[in-house]
Amino acid sequence: MAHTEPSTPGASPARPVAGLLLAAGGGRRLGGRPKALLDYRGRPLVENAARVLREGGCRPVHIVLGAAAGTVRERADLAAYETAENPDWAHGMGSSLRVGLASLADSGAGAALVSLVDQPGIGAAAVARVIAAYEGGADLVAAAYGGRRGHPVLFGAGRWAAVAAGAAGDRGARAYLREHEETISLVECSDVAEPYDIDTPEDLFRLASPDAPRAGGGR
């Protein structure tokens, strides 16, 4: 895997990077509470995740909804973003990735930066670093945390068809990334972000106080 530094002054301008937020999950391990609607600082979590993409430099930002999509649209202020609905959200993240990439077909974007709704520890600084790698010439980029690949992940537009073709079940783009491991440009982000997920009731403390220690010790 290549490690990438930010682009240098004078580099050729790249086509815009679209933000693609996967927010369709039903929160099975959270007792069926859709993750997009979890309360984060008084607002639905999906608003924070979308704002992070916009503040990090993504234009446009597309959000894939699924579980309780109508309720998400009612409760969350998503007027600044494009939304697409995945009727097959229960089949896993792969179907949402396919829906999201299809929604970007006419966007004019040169790349899609994919993020997950349930990672509030990843902010605009990490998004901006991944975009900088793309602007420096890379078309397959991932944030890294202590050298381990994580989100967000960026795919150049020329890769979208192959990514979508391999997206199945809950694997998302994992199969594609494994096949192209040696060409991924990793951008270290552990100094500006934490890649934890909100998956279980034990993780919900992160939403009330993202920097709080986990009960019993540890972060």
N, C-alpha and C. Protein backbone atom coordinates (compact mmCIF):
# COMPACT_ATOMS: atom_id res chain seq x y z
N MET A 1 0.84 -1.20 0.00
CA MET A 1 0.00 0.00 0.00
C MET A 1 0.87 1.25 0.00
N ALA A 2 0.51 2.22 -0.80
CA ALA A 2 1.25 3.46 -0.85
C ALA A 2 0.80 4.39 0.26
N HIS A 3 1.73 5.20 0.74
CA HIS A 3 1.40 6.22 1.71
C HIS A 3 1.53 7.57 1.04
N THR A 4 0.51 8.41 1.17
CA THR A 4 0.41 9.62 0.38
C THR A 4 0.52 10.86 1.25
N GLU A 5 1.24 11.85 0.74
CA GLU A 5 1.31 13.16 1.36
C GLU A 5 0.36 14.10 0.64
N PRO A 6 -0.04 15.23 1.26
CA PRO A 6 -0.90 16.19 0.60
C PRO A 6 -0.31 16.68 -0.71
N SER A 7 -1.16 17.12 -1.62
CA SER A 7 -0.71 17.58 -2.92
C SER A 7 0.16 18.82 -2.79
N THR A 8 1.01 19.03 -3.78
CA THR A 8 1.93 20.16 -3.75
C THR A 8 1.32 21.34 -4.49
N PRO A 9 1.75 22.59 -4.13
CA PRO A 9 1.24 23.77 -4.83
C PRO A 9 1.53 23.66 -6.32
N GLY A 10 0.57 24.11 -7.12
CA GLY A 10 0.75 24.09 -8.56
C GLY A 10 0.25 22.83 -9.22
N ALA A 11 -0.26 21.87 -8.44
CA ALA A 11 -0.77 20.64 -9.03
C ALA A 11 -2.01 20.95 -9.86
N SER A 12 -2.24 20.14 -10.89
CA SER A 12 -3.40 20.35 -11.76
C SER A 12 -4.68 20.17 -10.97
N PRO A 13 -5.68 21.05 -11.20
CA PRO A 13 -6.94 20.91 -10.47
C PRO A 13 -7.65 19.63 -10.85
N ALA A 14 -8.21 18.97 -9.87
CA ALA A 14 -8.93 17.72 -10.10
C ALA A 14 -10.42 18.01 -10.17
N ARG A 15 -11.18 17.07 -10.77
CA ARG A 15 -12.63 17.20 -10.76
C ARG A 15 -13.13 17.09 -9.34
N PRO A 16 -14.33 17.63 -9.06
CA PRO A 16 -14.84 17.65 -7.67
C PRO A 16 -14.97 16.25 -7.09
N VAL A 17 -14.89 16.20 -5.77
CA VAL A 17 -15.10 14.96 -5.04
C VAL A 17 -16.49 15.00 -4.42
N ALA A 18 -17.31 14.02 -4.76
CA ALA A 18 -18.64 13.91 -4.17
C ALA A 18 -18.54 13.15 -2.86
N GLY A 19 -19.29 13.59 -1.87
CA GLY A 19 -19.39 12.85 -0.64
C GLY A 19 -20.53 11.85 -0.73
N LEU A 20 -20.29 10.62 -0.32
CA LEU A 20 -21.33 9.59 -0.35
C LEU A 20 -21.48 9.02 1.05
N LEU A 21 -22.57 9.38 1.69
CA LEU A 21 -22.81 8.98 3.07
C LEU A 21 -23.78 7.80 3.11
N LEU A 22 -23.33 6.68 3.66
CA LEU A 22 -24.17 5.51 3.79
C LEU A 22 -24.88 5.56 5.14
N ALA A 23 -26.20 5.77 5.10
CA ALA A 23 -26.98 6.01 6.32
C ALA A 23 -28.28 5.22 6.31
N ALA A 24 -28.25 4.02 5.74
CA ALA A 24 -29.48 3.25 5.56
C ALA A 24 -29.74 2.22 6.64
N GLY A 25 -28.75 1.95 7.48
CA GLY A 25 -28.85 0.83 8.42
C GLY A 25 -29.96 0.95 9.44
N GLY A 26 -30.50 -0.21 9.80
CA GLY A 26 -31.62 -0.25 10.74
C GLY A 26 -31.22 -0.40 12.19
N GLY A 27 -29.92 -0.49 12.48
CA GLY A 27 -29.49 -0.59 13.87
C GLY A 27 -29.95 -1.87 14.55
N ARG A 28 -29.74 -3.00 13.89
CA ARG A 28 -30.22 -4.28 14.45
C ARG A 28 -29.67 -4.52 15.85
N ARG A 29 -28.39 -4.27 16.05
CA ARG A 29 -27.78 -4.51 17.36
C ARG A 29 -28.09 -3.39 18.36
N LEU A 30 -28.78 -2.37 17.88
CA LEU A 30 -29.23 -1.28 18.76
C LEU A 30 -30.72 -1.42 19.05
N GLY A 31 -31.25 -2.60 18.85
CA GLY A 31 -32.66 -2.83 19.11
C GLY A 31 -33.57 -2.29 18.03
N GLY A 32 -33.04 -2.16 16.81
CA GLY A 32 -33.86 -1.68 15.71
C GLY A 32 -33.99 -0.17 15.65
N ARG A 33 -33.04 0.54 16.23
CA ARG A 33 -33.05 2.01 16.16
C ARG A 33 -32.19 2.44 14.97
N PRO A 34 -32.79 2.99 13.92
CA PRO A 34 -32.00 3.41 12.76
C PRO A 34 -30.87 4.36 13.16
N LYS A 35 -29.67 4.09 12.69
CA LYS A 35 -28.52 4.89 13.11
C LYS A 35 -28.65 6.34 12.69
N ALA A 36 -29.26 6.60 11.56
CA ALA A 36 -29.40 7.98 11.08
C ALA A 36 -30.16 8.85 12.06
N LEU A 37 -31.03 8.23 12.86
CA LEU A 37 -31.88 8.98 13.77
C LEU A 37 -31.36 9.04 15.20
N LEU A 38 -30.23 8.41 15.48
CA LEU A 38 -29.68 8.49 16.83
C LEU A 38 -29.40 9.94 17.20
N ASP A 39 -29.66 10.28 18.44
CA ASP A 39 -29.47 11.66 18.87
C ASP A 39 -27.99 11.96 19.07
N TYR A 40 -27.51 13.03 18.43
CA TYR A 40 -26.13 13.46 18.59
C TYR A 40 -26.12 14.96 18.81
N ARG A 41 -25.85 15.34 20.05
CA ARG A 41 -25.82 16.76 20.42
C ARG A 41 -27.13 17.46 20.06
N GLY A 42 -28.23 16.75 20.28
CA GLY A 42 -29.55 17.33 20.11
C GLY A 42 -30.14 17.24 18.72
N ARG A 43 -29.41 16.64 17.78
CA ARG A 43 -29.90 16.52 16.41
C ARG A 43 -29.67 15.10 15.90
N PRO A 44 -30.38 14.67 14.84
CA PRO A 44 -30.14 13.35 14.29
C PRO A 44 -28.69 13.17 13.82
N LEU A 45 -28.14 12.02 14.08
CA LEU A 45 -26.74 11.75 13.76
C LEU A 45 -26.41 11.98 12.29
N VAL A 46 -27.37 11.71 11.40
CA VAL A 46 -27.12 11.86 9.97
C VAL A 46 -26.75 13.31 9.61
N GLU A 47 -27.27 14.27 10.34
CA GLU A 47 -26.93 15.67 10.05
C GLU A 47 -25.45 15.92 10.28
N ASN A 48 -24.92 15.41 11.36
CA ASN A 48 -23.50 15.59 11.65
C ASN A 48 -22.64 14.94 10.58
N ALA A 49 -22.97 13.72 10.20
CA ALA A 49 -22.16 13.00 9.22
C ALA A 49 -22.16 13.71 7.86
N ALA A 50 -23.30 14.23 7.46
CA ALA A 50 -23.38 14.95 6.19
C ALA A 50 -22.62 16.27 6.25
N ARG A 51 -22.74 16.97 7.36
CA ARG A 51 -22.03 18.24 7.52
C ARG A 51 -20.51 18.05 7.48
N VAL A 52 -20.04 16.97 8.08
CA VAL A 52 -18.61 16.66 8.05
C VAL A 52 -18.10 16.55 6.61
N LEU A 53 -18.85 15.87 5.77
CA LEU A 53 -18.44 15.73 4.38
C LEU A 53 -18.39 17.09 3.68
N ARG A 54 -19.39 17.90 3.92
CA ARG A 54 -19.42 19.21 3.27
C ARG A 54 -18.29 20.09 3.77
N GLU A 55 -18.06 20.10 5.07
CA GLU A 55 -17.00 20.93 5.63
C GLU A 55 -15.61 20.44 5.23
N GLY A 56 -15.52 19.14 4.93
CA GLY A 56 -14.24 18.59 4.51
C GLY A 56 -13.91 18.84 3.05
N GLY A 57 -14.88 19.36 2.29
CA GLY A 57 -14.61 19.73 0.90
C GLY A 57 -15.37 18.95 -0.15
N CYS A 58 -16.32 18.13 0.24
CA CYS A 58 -17.09 17.35 -0.74
C CYS A 58 -18.20 18.19 -1.35
N ARG A 59 -18.33 18.11 -2.67
CA ARG A 59 -19.40 18.75 -3.42
C ARG A 59 -19.71 17.89 -4.64
N PRO A 60 -20.92 17.40 -4.78
CA PRO A 60 -22.05 17.47 -3.87
C PRO A 60 -21.92 16.42 -2.78
N VAL A 61 -22.92 16.37 -1.90
CA VAL A 61 -23.00 15.32 -0.90
C VAL A 61 -24.30 14.56 -1.12
N HIS A 62 -24.19 13.25 -1.33
CA HIS A 62 -25.35 12.38 -1.50
C HIS A 62 -25.47 11.47 -0.28
N ILE A 63 -26.69 11.28 0.19
CA ILE A 63 -26.95 10.45 1.37
C ILE A 63 -27.86 9.30 0.97
N VAL A 64 -27.45 8.09 1.29
CA VAL A 64 -28.29 6.93 1.02
C VAL A 64 -29.06 6.59 2.29
N LEU A 65 -30.39 6.67 2.21
CA LEU A 65 -31.27 6.35 3.31
C LEU A 65 -31.92 4.99 3.07
N GLY A 66 -32.43 4.41 4.14
CA GLY A 66 -33.08 3.11 4.00
C GLY A 66 -34.09 2.90 5.10
N ALA A 67 -33.65 2.38 6.24
CA ALA A 67 -34.54 2.15 7.37
C ALA A 67 -35.18 3.47 7.80
N ALA A 68 -36.50 3.47 7.94
CA ALA A 68 -37.25 4.65 8.38
C ALA A 68 -36.89 5.89 7.56
N ALA A 69 -36.73 5.72 6.26
CA ALA A 69 -36.30 6.83 5.41
C ALA A 69 -37.24 8.03 5.50
N GLY A 70 -38.54 7.78 5.52
CA GLY A 70 -39.49 8.89 5.61
C GLY A 70 -39.34 9.66 6.90
N THR A 71 -39.14 8.95 8.00
CA THR A 71 -38.96 9.61 9.29
C THR A 71 -37.66 10.39 9.32
N VAL A 72 -36.61 9.85 8.72
CA VAL A 72 -35.33 10.57 8.66
C VAL A 72 -35.52 11.89 7.93
N ARG A 73 -36.22 11.85 6.80
CA ARG A 73 -36.43 13.09 6.03
C ARG A 73 -37.26 14.09 6.82
N GLU A 74 -38.18 13.61 7.64
CA GLU A 74 -39.02 14.52 8.44
C GLU A 74 -38.23 15.16 9.58
N ARG A 75 -37.38 14.39 10.23
CA ARG A 75 -36.72 14.87 11.45
C ARG A 75 -35.39 15.56 11.20
N ALA A 76 -34.70 15.16 10.13
CA ALA A 76 -33.37 15.71 9.88
C ALA A 76 -33.43 16.79 8.81
N ASP A 77 -32.61 17.80 8.98
CA ASP A 77 -32.50 18.87 7.99
C ASP A 77 -31.46 18.46 6.95
N LEU A 78 -31.95 17.95 5.83
CA LEU A 78 -31.07 17.47 4.77
C LEU A 78 -31.24 18.28 3.49
N ALA A 79 -31.76 19.49 3.63
CA ALA A 79 -32.08 20.30 2.45
C ALA A 79 -30.87 20.62 1.60
N ALA A 80 -29.68 20.65 2.20
CA ALA A 80 -28.48 21.01 1.45
C ALA A 80 -27.87 19.84 0.70
N TYR A 81 -28.49 18.66 0.82
CA TYR A 81 -27.89 17.44 0.27
C TYR A 81 -28.87 16.72 -0.65
N GLU A 82 -28.33 15.84 -1.47
CA GLU A 82 -29.14 14.95 -2.29
C GLU A 82 -29.36 13.65 -1.52
N THR A 83 -30.55 13.09 -1.60
CA THR A 83 -30.80 11.82 -0.94
C THR A 83 -31.26 10.78 -1.96
N ALA A 84 -30.88 9.55 -1.69
CA ALA A 84 -31.33 8.41 -2.49
C ALA A 84 -31.80 7.35 -1.52
N GLU A 85 -32.82 6.62 -1.89
CA GLU A 85 -33.37 5.61 -0.98
C GLU A 85 -33.04 4.21 -1.46
N ASN A 86 -32.58 3.39 -0.55
CA ASN A 86 -32.26 1.99 -0.83
C ASN A 86 -33.38 1.11 -0.28
N PRO A 87 -34.24 0.59 -1.14
CA PRO A 87 -35.34 -0.26 -0.65
C PRO A 87 -34.84 -1.61 -0.13
N ASP A 88 -33.60 -1.96 -0.47
CA ASP A 88 -33.04 -3.24 -0.05
C ASP A 88 -32.03 -3.07 1.07
N TRP A 89 -32.19 -2.04 1.88
CA TRP A 89 -31.20 -1.73 2.91
C TRP A 89 -30.96 -2.90 3.86
N ALA A 90 -31.98 -3.71 4.10
CA ALA A 90 -31.83 -4.83 5.04
C ALA A 90 -30.88 -5.90 4.53
N HIS A 91 -30.55 -5.86 3.24
CA HIS A 91 -29.64 -6.84 2.66
C HIS A 91 -28.18 -6.48 2.89
N GLY A 92 -27.92 -5.32 3.48
CA GLY A 92 -26.55 -4.98 3.83
C GLY A 92 -26.01 -3.76 3.13
N MET A 93 -24.80 -3.37 3.55
CA MET A 93 -24.17 -2.15 3.08
C MET A 93 -23.88 -2.16 1.58
N GLY A 94 -23.65 -3.35 1.03
CA GLY A 94 -23.33 -3.42 -0.39
C GLY A 94 -24.42 -2.82 -1.26
N SER A 95 -25.67 -3.09 -0.94
CA SER A 95 -26.76 -2.54 -1.74
C SER A 95 -26.81 -1.02 -1.63
N SER A 96 -26.50 -0.48 -0.47
CA SER A 96 -26.48 0.97 -0.31
C SER A 96 -25.34 1.61 -1.10
N LEU A 97 -24.21 0.95 -1.13
CA LEU A 97 -23.09 1.46 -1.91
C LEU A 97 -23.45 1.50 -3.39
N ARG A 98 -24.11 0.47 -3.87
CA ARG A 98 -24.53 0.45 -5.28
C ARG A 98 -25.51 1.57 -5.57
N VAL A 99 -26.51 1.75 -4.69
CA VAL A 99 -27.48 2.83 -4.88
C VAL A 99 -26.79 4.19 -4.88
N GLY A 100 -25.88 4.37 -3.95
CA GLY A 100 -25.19 5.65 -3.84
C GLY A 100 -24.33 5.97 -5.06
N LEU A 101 -23.56 5.01 -5.53
CA LEU A 101 -22.73 5.24 -6.71
C LEU A 101 -23.59 5.51 -7.94
N ALA A 102 -24.72 4.81 -8.06
CA ALA A 102 -25.62 5.06 -9.19
C ALA A 102 -26.17 6.48 -9.14
N SER A 103 -26.43 6.98 -7.95
CA SER A 103 -26.98 8.33 -7.81
C SER A 103 -25.98 9.40 -8.23
N LEU A 104 -24.71 9.05 -8.26
CA LEU A 104 -23.66 10.02 -8.62
C LEU A 104 -23.33 10.01 -10.11
N ALA A 105 -24.00 9.16 -10.87
CA ALA A 105 -23.63 8.96 -12.28
C ALA A 105 -23.58 10.26 -13.07
N ASP A 106 -24.50 11.17 -12.82
CA ASP A 106 -24.56 12.42 -13.59
C ASP A 106 -24.08 13.62 -12.78
N SER A 107 -23.33 13.37 -11.72
CA SER A 107 -22.91 14.46 -10.82
C SER A 107 -21.72 15.26 -11.35
N GLY A 108 -20.98 14.69 -12.29
CA GLY A 108 -19.77 15.35 -12.78
C GLY A 108 -18.58 15.19 -11.85
N ALA A 109 -18.75 14.44 -10.78
CA ALA A 109 -17.66 14.26 -9.82
C ALA A 109 -16.58 13.35 -10.40
N GLY A 110 -15.34 13.62 -10.01
CA GLY A 110 -14.24 12.79 -10.44
C GLY A 110 -13.96 11.65 -9.49
N ALA A 111 -14.55 11.71 -8.30
CA ALA A 111 -14.34 10.68 -7.30
C ALA A 111 -15.48 10.73 -6.30
N ALA A 112 -15.67 9.62 -5.60
CA ALA A 112 -16.65 9.54 -4.52
C ALA A 112 -15.92 9.21 -3.23
N LEU A 113 -16.15 10.00 -2.21
CA LEU A 113 -15.58 9.76 -0.89
C LEU A 113 -16.68 9.15 -0.03
N VAL A 114 -16.49 7.91 0.37
CA VAL A 114 -17.53 7.15 1.06
C VAL A 114 -17.30 7.18 2.56
N SER A 115 -18.34 7.53 3.30
CA SER A 115 -18.26 7.53 4.76
C SER A 115 -19.50 6.86 5.33
N LEU A 116 -19.42 6.54 6.62
CA LEU A 116 -20.50 5.83 7.32
C LEU A 116 -21.13 6.75 8.36
N VAL A 117 -22.44 6.64 8.52
CA VAL A 117 -23.16 7.54 9.41
C VAL A 117 -22.80 7.34 10.87
N ASP A 118 -22.32 6.15 11.23
CA ASP A 118 -22.14 5.83 12.65
C ASP A 118 -20.70 5.99 13.14
N GLN A 119 -19.95 6.91 12.53
CA GLN A 119 -18.58 7.15 12.96
C GLN A 119 -18.37 8.64 13.27
N PRO A 120 -19.00 9.14 14.33
CA PRO A 120 -18.89 10.57 14.64
C PRO A 120 -17.51 11.02 15.08
N GLY A 121 -16.61 10.08 15.35
CA GLY A 121 -15.25 10.46 15.71
C GLY A 121 -14.40 10.86 14.51
N ILE A 122 -14.94 10.69 13.30
CA ILE A 122 -14.23 11.08 12.08
C ILE A 122 -14.81 12.40 11.60
N GLY A 123 -13.97 13.43 11.59
CA GLY A 123 -14.45 14.76 11.25
C GLY A 123 -13.93 15.27 9.92
N ALA A 124 -14.13 16.56 9.71
CA ALA A 124 -13.80 17.18 8.43
C ALA A 124 -12.30 17.14 8.12
N ALA A 125 -11.45 17.13 9.15
CA ALA A 125 -10.01 17.12 8.91
C ALA A 125 -9.58 15.85 8.19
N ALA A 126 -10.13 14.71 8.58
CA ALA A 126 -9.80 13.45 7.91
C ALA A 126 -10.32 13.45 6.48
N VAL A 127 -11.52 13.96 6.28
CA VAL A 127 -12.08 14.05 4.93
C VAL A 127 -11.17 14.89 4.04
N ALA A 128 -10.74 16.03 4.55
CA ALA A 128 -9.90 16.93 3.76
C ALA A 128 -8.57 16.28 3.40
N ARG A 129 -8.01 15.49 4.29
CA ARG A 129 -6.73 14.82 4.00
C ARG A 129 -6.89 13.80 2.87
N VAL A 130 -7.98 13.05 2.90
CA VAL A 130 -8.20 12.06 1.85
C VAL A 130 -8.41 12.77 0.51
N ILE A 131 -9.16 13.86 0.50
CA ILE A 131 -9.36 14.62 -0.73
C ILE A 131 -8.04 15.17 -1.25
N ALA A 132 -7.17 15.62 -0.36
CA ALA A 132 -5.87 16.16 -0.77
C ALA A 132 -5.05 15.11 -1.51
N ALA A 133 -5.15 13.86 -1.07
CA ALA A 133 -4.43 12.78 -1.75
C ALA A 133 -4.96 12.59 -3.17
N TYR A 134 -6.26 12.67 -3.32
CA TYR A 134 -6.87 12.59 -4.65
C TYR A 134 -6.40 13.76 -5.52
N GLU A 135 -6.38 14.94 -4.96
CA GLU A 135 -5.94 16.11 -5.72
C GLU A 135 -4.47 16.00 -6.10
N GLY A 136 -3.74 15.18 -5.36
CA GLY A 136 -2.34 14.93 -5.69
C GLY A 136 -2.14 13.83 -6.72
N GLY A 137 -3.22 13.22 -7.20
CA GLY A 137 -3.12 12.25 -8.28
C GLY A 137 -3.57 10.84 -7.96
N ALA A 138 -3.90 10.53 -6.71
CA ALA A 138 -4.34 9.18 -6.36
C ALA A 138 -5.83 9.02 -6.63
N ASP A 139 -6.24 7.84 -7.10
CA ASP A 139 -7.67 7.63 -7.35
C ASP A 139 -8.25 6.48 -6.53
N LEU A 140 -7.48 5.96 -5.58
CA LEU A 140 -7.96 4.97 -4.62
C LEU A 140 -7.26 5.29 -3.31
N VAL A 141 -8.01 5.89 -2.40
CA VAL A 141 -7.42 6.47 -1.19
C VAL A 141 -8.25 6.05 0.02
N ALA A 142 -7.58 5.81 1.14
CA ALA A 142 -8.29 5.51 2.38
C ALA A 142 -7.58 6.18 3.54
N ALA A 143 -8.36 6.62 4.49
CA ALA A 143 -7.79 7.08 5.75
C ALA A 143 -7.20 5.87 6.47
N ALA A 144 -6.15 6.12 7.25
CA ALA A 144 -5.53 5.05 8.03
C ALA A 144 -5.41 5.51 9.47
N TYR A 145 -5.47 4.54 10.37
CA TYR A 145 -5.39 4.81 11.80
C TYR A 145 -4.36 3.85 12.38
N GLY A 146 -3.20 4.40 12.70
CA GLY A 146 -2.10 3.55 13.14
C GLY A 146 -1.67 2.58 12.06
N GLY A 147 -1.79 3.00 10.80
CA GLY A 147 -1.40 2.16 9.68
C GLY A 147 -2.48 1.22 9.18
N ARG A 148 -3.62 1.14 9.87
CA ARG A 148 -4.71 0.26 9.45
C ARG A 148 -5.75 1.05 8.65
N ARG A 149 -6.15 0.46 7.54
CA ARG A 149 -7.11 1.13 6.67
C ARG A 149 -8.47 1.29 7.35
N GLY A 150 -9.09 2.46 7.15
CA GLY A 150 -10.42 2.71 7.67
C GLY A 150 -11.19 3.64 6.75
N HIS A 151 -12.17 4.32 7.30
CA HIS A 151 -12.95 5.30 6.53
C HIS A 151 -12.51 6.72 6.89
N PRO A 152 -12.76 7.65 5.98
CA PRO A 152 -13.42 7.49 4.68
C PRO A 152 -12.52 6.85 3.63
N VAL A 153 -13.17 6.35 2.58
CA VAL A 153 -12.47 5.74 1.44
C VAL A 153 -12.90 6.47 0.18
N LEU A 154 -11.94 6.76 -0.68
CA LEU A 154 -12.23 7.48 -1.92
C LEU A 154 -11.98 6.59 -3.12
N PHE A 155 -12.94 6.61 -4.05
CA PHE A 155 -12.84 5.85 -5.29
C PHE A 155 -12.94 6.81 -6.47
N GLY A 156 -11.95 6.81 -7.34
CA GLY A 156 -12.05 7.58 -8.57
C GLY A 156 -13.21 7.09 -9.41
N ALA A 157 -13.79 7.98 -10.21
CA ALA A 157 -14.99 7.65 -10.97
C ALA A 157 -14.78 6.45 -11.90
N GLY A 158 -13.57 6.27 -12.39
CA GLY A 158 -13.28 5.15 -13.26
C GLY A 158 -13.37 3.80 -12.56
N ARG A 159 -13.43 3.81 -11.25
CA ARG A 159 -13.50 2.58 -10.46
C ARG A 159 -14.93 2.24 -10.01
N TRP A 160 -15.87 3.15 -10.19
CA TRP A 160 -17.19 2.97 -9.60
C TRP A 160 -17.89 1.71 -10.10
N ALA A 161 -17.82 1.43 -11.38
CA ALA A 161 -18.54 0.28 -11.92
C ALA A 161 -18.03 -1.02 -11.30
N ALA A 162 -16.71 -1.14 -11.17
CA ALA A 162 -16.15 -2.36 -10.59
C ALA A 162 -16.45 -2.46 -9.11
N VAL A 163 -16.41 -1.33 -8.41
CA VAL A 163 -16.75 -1.32 -6.98
C VAL A 163 -18.19 -1.78 -6.79
N ALA A 164 -19.10 -1.22 -7.56
CA ALA A 164 -20.52 -1.58 -7.45
C ALA A 164 -20.74 -3.05 -7.78
N ALA A 165 -20.04 -3.54 -8.78
CA ALA A 165 -20.23 -4.94 -9.19
C ALA A 165 -19.81 -5.90 -8.09
N GLY A 166 -18.85 -5.51 -7.28
CA GLY A 166 -18.37 -6.40 -6.22
C GLY A 166 -19.00 -6.16 -4.87
N ALA A 167 -19.92 -5.19 -4.79
CA ALA A 167 -20.53 -4.84 -3.50
C ALA A 167 -21.71 -5.76 -3.22
N ALA A 168 -21.59 -6.57 -2.19
CA ALA A 168 -22.66 -7.51 -1.85
C ALA A 168 -22.74 -7.68 -0.35
N GLY A 169 -23.95 -7.92 0.13
CA GLY A 169 -24.15 -8.15 1.57
C GLY A 169 -23.62 -7.00 2.41
N ASP A 170 -23.04 -7.35 3.56
CA ASP A 170 -22.50 -6.33 4.44
C ASP A 170 -21.03 -6.03 4.15
N ARG A 171 -20.51 -6.59 3.08
CA ARG A 171 -19.09 -6.40 2.79
C ARG A 171 -18.79 -5.04 2.20
N GLY A 172 -19.79 -4.39 1.60
CA GLY A 172 -19.52 -3.10 0.96
C GLY A 172 -18.45 -3.26 -0.10
N ALA A 173 -17.40 -2.44 0.01
CA ALA A 173 -16.32 -2.48 -0.97
C ALA A 173 -15.14 -3.31 -0.51
N ARG A 174 -15.30 -4.12 0.54
CA ARG A 174 -14.16 -4.86 1.09
C ARG A 174 -13.48 -5.75 0.07
N ALA A 175 -14.28 -6.47 -0.73
CA ALA A 175 -13.69 -7.37 -1.72
C ALA A 175 -12.85 -6.58 -2.72
N TYR A 176 -13.38 -5.47 -3.20
CA TYR A 176 -12.63 -4.65 -4.16
C TYR A 176 -11.34 -4.13 -3.53
N LEU A 177 -11.42 -3.67 -2.30
CA LEU A 177 -10.23 -3.13 -1.64
C LEU A 177 -9.18 -4.21 -1.41
N ARG A 178 -9.62 -5.41 -1.08
CA ARG A 178 -8.66 -6.51 -0.92
C ARG A 178 -7.94 -6.80 -2.24
N GLU A 179 -8.70 -6.80 -3.32
CA GLU A 179 -8.12 -7.10 -4.63
C GLU A 179 -7.13 -6.03 -5.08
N HIS A 180 -7.31 -4.81 -4.59
CA HIS A 180 -6.47 -3.69 -5.02
C HIS A 180 -5.63 -3.13 -3.88
N GLU A 181 -5.33 -3.98 -2.91
CA GLU A 181 -4.62 -3.56 -1.70
C GLU A 181 -3.33 -2.80 -2.00
N GLU A 182 -2.59 -3.26 -2.99
CA GLU A 182 -1.27 -2.68 -3.25
C GLU A 182 -1.35 -1.31 -3.91
N THR A 183 -2.53 -0.93 -4.41
CA THR A 183 -2.66 0.37 -5.08
C THR A 183 -3.39 1.41 -4.23
N ILE A 184 -3.77 1.03 -3.02
CA ILE A 184 -4.46 1.98 -2.15
C ILE A 184 -3.45 2.97 -1.56
N SER A 185 -3.75 4.25 -1.67
CA SER A 185 -2.95 5.28 -1.01
C SER A 185 -3.52 5.52 0.38
N LEU A 186 -2.74 5.22 1.40
CA LEU A 186 -3.19 5.41 2.78
C LEU A 186 -2.77 6.78 3.28
N VAL A 187 -3.69 7.46 3.95
CA VAL A 187 -3.43 8.77 4.53
C VAL A 187 -3.65 8.67 6.04
N GLU A 188 -2.60 8.80 6.80
CA GLU A 188 -2.70 8.66 8.25
C GLU A 188 -3.55 9.78 8.85
N CYS A 189 -4.56 9.37 9.65
CA CYS A 189 -5.49 10.35 10.22
C CYS A 189 -5.68 10.16 11.73
N SER A 190 -4.86 9.32 12.36
CA SER A 190 -5.08 9.01 13.77
C SER A 190 -4.86 10.22 14.67
N ASP A 191 -4.18 11.25 14.16
CA ASP A 191 -3.96 12.45 14.97
C ASP A 191 -5.15 13.41 14.92
N VAL A 192 -6.09 13.17 14.00
CA VAL A 192 -7.23 14.09 13.87
C VAL A 192 -8.58 13.40 13.98
N ALA A 193 -8.61 12.07 14.09
CA ALA A 193 -9.90 11.36 14.10
C ALA A 193 -9.77 10.05 14.85
N GLU A 194 -10.94 9.54 15.28
CA GLU A 194 -11.03 8.23 15.90
C GLU A 194 -12.09 7.42 15.15
N PRO A 195 -11.74 6.22 14.67
CA PRO A 195 -12.65 5.47 13.79
C PRO A 195 -13.59 4.50 14.48
N TYR A 196 -14.05 4.84 15.68
CA TYR A 196 -14.98 3.92 16.36
C TYR A 196 -16.36 3.96 15.68
N ASP A 197 -17.11 2.87 15.86
CA ASP A 197 -18.48 2.76 15.33
C ASP A 197 -19.49 2.81 16.47
N ILE A 198 -20.70 3.21 16.15
CA ILE A 198 -21.82 3.11 17.08
C ILE A 198 -22.64 1.90 16.66
N ASP A 199 -22.33 0.75 17.26
CA ASP A 199 -22.95 -0.50 16.82
C ASP A 199 -23.87 -1.12 17.86
N THR A 200 -23.55 -0.95 19.14
CA THR A 200 -24.29 -1.62 20.22
C THR A 200 -24.69 -0.60 21.28
N PRO A 201 -25.60 -0.96 22.18
CA PRO A 201 -25.97 -0.04 23.25
C PRO A 201 -24.77 0.43 24.07
N GLU A 202 -23.73 -0.40 24.17
CA GLU A 202 -22.55 -0.02 24.93
C GLU A 202 -21.77 1.10 24.27
N ASP A 203 -22.03 1.34 22.99
CA ASP A 203 -21.33 2.40 22.26
C ASP A 203 -22.03 3.75 22.35
N LEU A 204 -23.26 3.77 22.85
CA LEU A 204 -24.06 4.99 22.80
C LEU A 204 -23.50 6.12 23.65
N PHE A 205 -22.65 5.78 24.62
CA PHE A 205 -22.04 6.83 25.44
C PHE A 205 -21.24 7.81 24.59
N ARG A 206 -20.74 7.33 23.45
CA ARG A 206 -19.95 8.18 22.56
C ARG A 206 -20.78 9.36 22.02
N LEU A 207 -22.06 9.15 21.86
CA LEU A 207 -22.91 10.20 21.32
C LEU A 207 -23.15 11.32 22.33
N ALA A 208 -23.21 10.95 23.61
CA ALA A 208 -23.41 11.95 24.65
C ALA A 208 -22.14 12.74 24.90
N SER A 209 -20.99 12.04 24.85
CA SER A 209 -19.70 12.66 25.10
C SER A 209 -18.65 11.88 24.34
N PRO A 210 -18.34 12.29 23.09
CA PRO A 210 -17.46 11.50 22.24
C PRO A 210 -16.09 11.20 22.84
N ASP A 211 -15.60 12.03 23.77
CA ASP A 211 -14.27 11.84 24.32
C ASP A 211 -14.29 11.12 25.66
N ALA A 212 -15.48 10.71 26.11
CA ALA A 212 -15.58 10.06 27.41
C ALA A 212 -14.97 8.67 27.38
N PRO A 213 -14.34 8.23 28.47
CA PRO A 213 -13.81 6.87 28.53
C PRO A 213 -14.94 5.86 28.65
N ARG A 214 -14.71 4.69 28.07
CA ARG A 214 -15.69 3.61 28.18
C ARG A 214 -15.76 3.13 29.62
N ALA A 215 -16.96 2.77 30.07
CA ALA A 215 -17.13 2.25 31.42
C ALA A 215 -16.22 1.05 31.61
N GLY A 216 -15.48 1.02 32.72
CA GLY A 216 -14.57 -0.08 32.99
C GLY A 216 -13.17 0.18 32.47
N GLY A 217 -12.98 1.37 31.85
CA GLY A 217 -11.64 1.73 31.37
C GLY A 217 -11.54 1.62 29.87
N GLY A 218 -10.58 2.32 29.32
CA GLY A 218 -10.34 2.30 27.89
C GLY A 218 -11.18 3.31 27.15
N ARG A 219 -10.86 3.47 25.85
CA ARG A 219 -11.57 4.43 25.03
C ARG A 219 -12.46 3.73 24.03
